[in-house]
Protein backbone atom coordinates (compact mmCIF):
# COMPACT_ATOMS: atom_id res chain seq x y z
CA MET A 1 66.81 -186.50 -98.73
CA ASP A 2 64.75 -189.58 -99.62
CA LEU A 3 66.87 -192.74 -99.33
CA LYS A 4 65.39 -194.18 -102.53
CA LEU A 5 66.45 -191.04 -104.42
CA ILE A 6 69.93 -191.25 -102.87
CA ASP A 7 70.25 -194.84 -104.05
CA MET A 8 69.17 -193.84 -107.57
CA ILE A 9 71.76 -191.05 -107.65
CA ARG A 10 74.43 -193.47 -106.46
CA GLN A 11 73.54 -195.99 -109.14
CA ASN A 12 73.67 -193.28 -111.79
CA MET A 13 77.08 -192.09 -110.60
CA HIS A 14 78.38 -195.67 -110.60
CA HIS A 15 77.13 -196.41 -114.11
CA SER A 16 77.07 -193.07 -115.92
CA TYR A 17 79.47 -194.45 -118.54
CA ARG A 18 76.66 -196.74 -119.72
CA PHE A 19 74.33 -193.96 -120.84
CA LEU A 20 76.59 -190.96 -121.45
CA PRO A 21 79.28 -190.47 -124.09
CA THR A 22 82.61 -191.33 -122.47
CA ALA A 23 86.15 -192.12 -123.59
CA THR A 24 88.87 -194.26 -122.07
CA VAL A 25 92.13 -192.33 -121.76
CA PHE A 26 95.23 -194.47 -122.26
CA ARG A 27 97.66 -194.17 -119.35
CA GLY A 28 100.68 -194.24 -121.69
CA SER A 29 103.35 -196.83 -122.38
CA GLY A 30 105.63 -196.00 -119.45
CA ASP A 31 105.94 -197.87 -116.20
CA VAL A 32 103.24 -197.43 -113.60
CA SER A 33 104.42 -195.52 -110.55
CA PRO A 34 103.47 -197.49 -107.43
CA ILE A 35 101.69 -195.58 -104.69
CA ALA A 36 103.01 -196.32 -101.24
CA SER A 37 100.58 -197.21 -98.48
CA ASP A 38 100.80 -196.54 -94.75
CA PRO A 39 97.32 -197.37 -93.37
CA GLN A 40 96.19 -195.43 -90.32
CA HIS A 41 93.17 -196.15 -88.11
CA LEU A 42 91.17 -192.99 -88.75
CA ASP A 43 87.64 -194.38 -88.35
CA GLU A 44 87.34 -192.98 -84.83
CA LEU A 45 88.98 -189.64 -85.63
CA ALA A 46 86.78 -187.27 -83.60
CA PHE A 47 85.77 -183.71 -84.45
CA VAL A 48 82.85 -181.29 -84.20
CA ASP A 49 80.87 -180.90 -87.43
CA ALA A 50 79.46 -177.70 -88.93
CA ALA A 51 76.28 -178.10 -86.87
CA GLY A 52 78.27 -178.26 -83.62
CA ARG A 53 77.77 -182.01 -83.12
CA ALA A 54 80.52 -184.34 -81.93
CA THR A 55 81.12 -187.03 -84.54
CA THR A 56 83.79 -189.26 -86.08
CA LEU A 57 85.14 -189.63 -89.58
CA SER A 58 83.46 -192.99 -90.04
CA GLU A 59 80.06 -191.66 -88.91
CA THR A 60 80.34 -188.62 -91.16
CA LEU A 61 81.17 -190.69 -94.25
CA GLU A 62 78.15 -192.90 -93.60
CA GLN A 63 75.80 -189.98 -92.91
CA ASN A 64 76.89 -188.18 -96.07
CA HIS A 65 76.31 -191.28 -98.23
CA THR A 66 79.94 -191.31 -99.33
CA ASP A 67 80.88 -193.70 -102.14
CA ALA A 68 84.66 -193.45 -101.95
CA PHE A 69 87.08 -191.65 -99.67
CA LEU A 70 90.88 -191.58 -99.79
CA VAL A 71 93.47 -189.63 -97.81
CA MET A 72 97.08 -189.24 -98.92
CA HIS A 73 99.79 -187.82 -96.68
CA ARG A 74 103.32 -187.15 -97.90
CA GLY A 75 102.87 -189.39 -100.92
CA LYS A 76 101.36 -192.35 -99.06
CA ILE A 77 97.77 -193.58 -98.86
CA VAL A 78 96.89 -193.50 -95.18
CA TYR A 79 93.13 -194.09 -95.36
CA GLU A 80 90.90 -195.60 -98.04
CA LYS A 81 87.24 -196.57 -97.80
CA TYR A 82 84.53 -197.63 -100.28
CA TYR A 83 80.78 -197.89 -99.80
CA SER A 84 77.60 -198.91 -101.64
CA GLY A 85 79.29 -201.39 -103.97
CA MET A 86 82.04 -199.00 -105.03
CA GLU A 87 85.49 -200.51 -105.60
CA PRO A 88 88.94 -199.06 -106.39
CA THR A 89 88.82 -200.06 -110.06
CA LEU A 90 85.25 -198.99 -110.83
CA GLN A 91 84.41 -195.79 -112.68
CA HIS A 92 82.42 -193.07 -110.96
CA GLY A 93 80.88 -189.82 -112.12
CA LEU A 94 83.05 -186.88 -111.06
CA ALA A 95 80.85 -183.78 -111.55
CA SER A 96 82.68 -180.72 -110.20
CA VAL A 97 85.57 -182.77 -108.82
CA THR A 98 86.68 -182.43 -112.45
CA LYS A 99 87.70 -178.86 -111.61
CA SER A 100 90.34 -180.16 -109.20
CA TYR A 101 91.67 -182.70 -111.71
CA ILE A 102 91.92 -180.11 -114.49
CA GLY A 103 93.58 -177.64 -112.15
CA THR A 104 96.17 -180.27 -111.20
CA LEU A 105 96.90 -181.15 -114.83
CA VAL A 106 97.28 -177.49 -115.80
CA SER A 107 99.60 -176.96 -112.83
CA ILE A 108 101.84 -179.73 -114.18
CA GLU A 109 101.91 -177.99 -117.58
CA LEU A 110 102.82 -174.72 -115.86
CA TYR A 111 105.59 -176.39 -113.87
CA GLU A 112 107.03 -177.99 -117.00
CA GLY A 113 106.99 -174.66 -118.82
CA ASN A 114 104.43 -175.60 -121.47
CA LEU A 115 102.05 -172.87 -120.30
CA GLY A 116 102.50 -169.51 -118.58
CA THR A 117 100.22 -168.10 -115.89
CA ASN A 118 99.92 -164.81 -117.82
CA ASP A 119 99.27 -166.43 -121.20
CA ARG A 120 95.97 -165.37 -122.76
CA VAL A 121 93.41 -167.91 -123.94
CA HIS A 122 93.29 -166.60 -127.52
CA ARG A 123 96.96 -167.64 -127.91
CA TYR A 124 95.93 -171.29 -127.69
CA ILE A 125 92.27 -171.20 -128.74
CA PRO A 126 91.79 -168.40 -131.33
CA GLU A 127 88.20 -169.58 -131.83
CA LEU A 128 87.38 -168.12 -128.40
CA ALA A 129 89.00 -164.72 -129.07
CA ASN A 130 85.62 -162.96 -129.12
CA SER A 131 84.14 -164.84 -126.17
CA ALA A 132 84.39 -164.02 -122.48
CA PHE A 133 87.57 -166.06 -122.31
CA GLY A 134 89.61 -164.62 -125.17
CA ASP A 135 91.62 -162.11 -123.14
CA ALA A 136 91.59 -164.09 -119.88
CA THR A 137 94.84 -165.45 -118.46
CA ILE A 138 95.52 -169.01 -117.43
CA GLN A 139 95.84 -167.82 -113.82
CA GLN A 140 92.45 -166.09 -113.95
CA LEU A 141 90.87 -169.29 -115.27
CA LEU A 142 92.45 -171.30 -112.45
CA ASP A 143 91.25 -168.77 -109.87
CA MET A 144 87.76 -168.56 -111.42
CA GLN A 145 88.10 -164.81 -111.66
CA ILE A 146 86.38 -164.71 -115.03
CA SER A 147 83.40 -162.40 -115.50
CA CYS A 148 80.90 -164.38 -117.54
CA ASN A 149 77.44 -163.71 -118.90
CA TYR A 150 75.82 -167.00 -119.82
CA PRO A 151 73.01 -166.87 -122.37
CA VAL A 152 69.70 -167.61 -120.68
CA PHE A 153 67.90 -170.58 -122.19
CA PHE A 154 66.53 -171.74 -118.84
CA PRO A 155 64.83 -168.61 -117.44
CA GLU A 156 63.20 -170.54 -114.62
CA ALA A 157 66.65 -171.45 -113.22
CA ASN A 158 69.04 -169.39 -111.12
CA TYR A 159 72.47 -168.34 -112.40
CA ILE A 160 74.26 -171.57 -111.47
CA ASP A 161 71.50 -173.90 -112.66
CA ASN A 162 71.09 -172.03 -115.96
CA GLN A 163 74.79 -172.38 -116.83
CA ARG A 164 74.82 -175.99 -115.68
CA ASN A 165 71.76 -176.92 -117.75
CA LEU A 166 73.25 -175.06 -120.70
CA LEU A 167 76.48 -177.03 -120.45
CA LEU A 168 74.76 -180.40 -119.96
CA THR A 169 72.46 -179.77 -122.92
CA ALA A 170 75.33 -178.68 -125.15
CA ILE A 171 77.34 -181.84 -124.47
CA GLY A 172 74.31 -184.14 -124.68
CA THR A 173 74.11 -185.21 -121.05
CA ILE A 174 70.49 -184.09 -120.80
CA PRO A 175 68.03 -183.91 -123.71
CA ALA A 176 67.27 -180.50 -125.16
CA LYS A 177 63.91 -179.00 -124.24
CA GLU A 178 61.34 -178.55 -126.98
CA GLY A 179 62.12 -175.32 -128.81
CA TYR A 180 65.68 -175.12 -127.46
CA THR A 181 67.88 -173.02 -129.77
CA GLY A 182 71.07 -172.85 -127.72
CA PRO A 183 74.52 -174.36 -128.26
CA ARG A 184 74.77 -178.03 -129.18
CA THR A 185 78.50 -178.61 -128.70
CA ILE A 186 81.09 -177.64 -126.10
CA HIS A 187 82.70 -175.29 -128.62
CA GLU A 188 79.41 -173.49 -129.31
CA TYR A 189 78.75 -173.34 -125.57
CA LEU A 190 82.04 -171.63 -124.75
CA ALA A 191 81.81 -169.26 -127.72
CA SER A 192 78.33 -168.14 -126.61
CA ILE A 193 79.54 -166.83 -123.23
CA THR A 194 80.21 -163.08 -123.12
CA LYS A 195 82.28 -160.90 -120.81
CA SER A 196 80.48 -158.80 -118.18
CA GLN A 197 83.37 -156.86 -116.62
CA GLU A 198 87.14 -156.95 -116.29
CA HIS A 199 88.57 -160.32 -115.37
CA GLY A 200 90.38 -160.63 -112.06
CA SER A 201 87.97 -158.30 -110.27
CA ALA A 202 85.89 -160.95 -108.49
CA PHE A 203 85.56 -164.69 -107.87
CA LEU A 204 82.66 -166.29 -109.74
CA TYR A 205 81.97 -170.02 -109.49
CA SER A 206 81.49 -171.15 -113.05
CA ASN A 207 81.89 -174.16 -115.36
CA GLY A 208 83.26 -172.21 -118.32
CA PRO A 209 86.81 -171.66 -117.03
CA THR A 210 87.28 -175.37 -116.32
CA GLU A 211 86.04 -176.34 -119.79
CA VAL A 212 88.42 -173.82 -121.40
CA LEU A 213 91.35 -175.12 -119.40
CA GLY A 214 90.41 -178.65 -120.44
């Protein structure tokens, strides 16, 4: 990939809060739980990459244009690195890492008994009862075993890109194309998705389940 393009992407990820609608979530009034640290020298950790080449962790992070990398082991931070002007307190675009955050938050709700793995979506969001998600369970959402048909407003795109462009247009991240008649809010977006077959029958990478869980 062109290095100039990589730098532009990095700058966008570092400053996306400046040109996209964002909200600051209050951490709450309780005490902050300190995170223990036990630094380990992992820069020279050696392994063979997917292409069969011998490399180290440090080399791989540089080659992949990593912005931030953190490893926790048994509740302690053992390795933490930042690149390209990134710092621990700066915001950064998350993209599909959001799926992991949402999954973790929902897991806490399950553990505390506020949700059940077999609960159906329509119990909590009746507005989605007639969508693909209405009869889906929380577990099926977490496992991405939801059979979704996304309306096609971007026929030139493949399945993944069509649903992504649909989501980004609905929430205002990218401007709508001329003549676009699709959903304009996250609620309209989710309600427009229909069911293609029984849930739980196959894994299907999709943005819809994460948005519903959120």
